[in-house]
Amino acid sequence: MKNGALGGKISGAGGGGYMMFYVKNCFVHHLVNVLNEFGGRTERVHFYDKGVITWKTQD
């Protein structure tokens, strides 16, 4: 939280898992850099107020 996150959630079990953080736009790059320093992999997600959106990719 000291690196800009307003909240977070840890999910998963065993050898894998996922950490998700809610961050104001002005702190995103800083938090990504901090996580990368610890060997983390970051992904950007988007929330929509219209419900769930899905899509398929070609394998």
Protein backbone atom coordinates (compact mmCIF):
# COMPACT_ATOMS: atom_id res chain seq x y z
CA MET A 1 0.00 0.00 0.00
CA LYS A 2 2.92 2.36 0.54
CA ASN A 3 3.64 2.19 -3.20
CA GLY A 4 0.32 3.68 -4.29
CA ALA A 5 -2.24 0.87 -4.07
CA LEU A 6 -5.60 1.75 -2.54
CA GLY A 7 -6.49 -1.91 -2.07
CA GLY A 8 -5.56 -5.41 -3.14
CA LYS A 9 -6.71 -9.01 -3.43
CA ILE A 10 -4.72 -12.24 -3.41
CA SER A 11 -6.30 -15.27 -5.09
CA GLY A 12 -5.20 -18.75 -6.04
CA ALA A 13 -3.73 -21.67 -4.15
CA GLY A 14 -0.77 -23.99 -4.14
CA GLY A 15 2.13 -23.07 -6.39
CA GLY A 16 0.28 -20.40 -8.34
CA GLY A 17 -1.77 -17.39 -7.63
CA TYR A 18 -2.63 -13.87 -8.53
CA MET A 19 -2.38 -10.51 -6.80
CA MET A 20 -4.63 -7.71 -7.99
CA PHE A 21 -4.25 -4.11 -6.87
CA TYR A 22 -6.56 -1.12 -7.21
CA VAL A 23 -4.34 1.86 -8.04
CA LYS A 24 -4.97 5.45 -9.05
CA ASN A 25 -3.68 6.19 -12.56
CA CYS A 26 -0.95 8.48 -11.23
CA PHE A 27 0.66 5.56 -9.30
CA VAL A 28 0.36 2.76 -11.89
CA HIS A 29 3.84 3.10 -13.40
CA HIS A 30 5.49 3.33 -9.99
CA LEU A 31 3.73 0.22 -8.68
CA VAL A 32 4.51 -1.73 -11.87
CA ASN A 33 8.20 -0.85 -11.50
CA VAL A 34 8.24 -1.95 -7.85
CA LEU A 35 6.55 -5.27 -8.68
CA ASN A 36 8.97 -5.88 -11.57
CA GLU A 37 11.92 -5.33 -9.21
CA PHE A 38 10.63 -8.32 -7.21
CA GLY A 39 10.29 -10.49 -10.33
CA GLY A 40 6.55 -10.01 -10.70
CA ARG A 41 4.72 -10.06 -14.00
CA THR A 42 2.15 -7.35 -14.47
CA GLU A 43 -0.99 -7.28 -16.59
CA ARG A 44 -3.44 -4.45 -17.10
CA VAL A 45 -7.15 -5.10 -16.60
CA HIS A 46 -10.16 -2.94 -17.36
CA PHE A 47 -13.51 -2.75 -15.60
CA TYR A 48 -16.71 -1.95 -17.45
CA ASP A 49 -20.04 -0.81 -16.04
CA LYS A 50 -21.96 -2.66 -18.79
CA GLY A 51 -21.36 -6.18 -17.44
CA VAL A 52 -19.04 -8.97 -18.53
CA ILE A 53 -17.35 -8.81 -21.94
CA THR A 54 -15.78 -11.96 -23.42
CA TRP A 55 -13.90 -12.79 -26.59
CA LYS A 56 -12.06 -15.73 -28.15
CA THR A 57 -8.57 -15.85 -29.58
CA GLN A 58 -7.25 -18.19 -32.22
CA ASP A 59 -4.93 -20.91 -30.90
